Amino acid sequence: MSSLRTTLARRHAARVQLRQERALALAFAAAPTVESAHEIAALSSRR
């Protein structure tokens, strides 16, 4: 049971990370100015 719970937790963490990366990519693509895109890129590098 412990290994199942560990596997589920890892998969959940991976899905959360992918969701965050997709949201960041969408924000970067939708940035209205080059400066705001640069700020978004700077935020992503701090993660």
Protein backbone atom coordinates (compact mmCIF):
# COMPACT_ATOMS: atom_id res chain seq x y z
CA MET A 1 0.00 0.00 0.00
CA SER A 2 2.87 2.34 0.76
CA SER A 3 4.39 1.96 -2.70
CA LEU A 4 1.02 2.63 -4.31
CA ARG A 5 0.60 5.79 -2.28
CA THR A 6 4.14 6.90 -3.19
CA THR A 7 3.51 6.26 -6.88
CA LEU A 8 0.25 8.22 -6.79
CA ALA A 9 1.94 11.12 -4.99
CA ARG A 10 4.74 11.22 -7.57
CA ARG A 11 2.28 11.19 -10.47
CA HIS A 12 0.27 13.95 -8.84
CA ALA A 13 3.40 16.07 -8.34
CA ALA A 14 4.39 15.53 -11.97
CA ARG A 15 0.93 16.59 -13.17
CA VAL A 16 1.02 19.69 -10.99
CA GLN A 17 4.43 20.64 -12.36
CA LEU A 18 3.29 20.15 -15.97
CA ARG A 19 0.18 22.24 -15.30
CA GLN A 20 2.32 25.05 -13.88
CA GLU A 21 4.72 24.90 -16.82
CA ARG A 22 1.83 25.07 -19.30
CA ALA A 23 0.31 28.05 -17.48
CA LEU A 24 3.66 29.81 -17.53
CA ALA A 25 4.12 29.11 -21.23
CA LEU A 26 0.66 30.48 -21.97
CA ALA A 27 1.36 33.60 -19.92
CA PHE A 28 4.65 34.07 -21.73
CA ALA A 29 2.99 33.68 -25.14
CA ALA A 30 0.18 36.08 -24.23
CA ALA A 31 2.48 38.75 -22.79
CA PRO A 32 1.49 42.10 -24.30
CA THR A 33 4.99 43.57 -24.33
CA VAL A 34 8.56 42.37 -24.55
CA GLU A 35 9.18 43.75 -21.06
CA SER A 36 6.36 41.74 -19.52
CA ALA A 37 7.55 38.62 -21.35
CA HIS A 38 10.99 39.23 -19.88
CA GLU A 39 9.49 39.55 -16.37
CA ILE A 40 7.61 36.27 -16.84
CA ALA A 41 10.82 34.59 -18.01
CA ALA A 42 12.64 35.97 -14.96
CA LEU A 43 9.94 34.58 -12.67
CA SER A 44 10.20 31.16 -14.28
CA SER A 45 13.95 31.08 -13.77
CA ARG A 46 13.49 31.67 -10.03
CA ARG A 47 11.39 28.52 -9.60
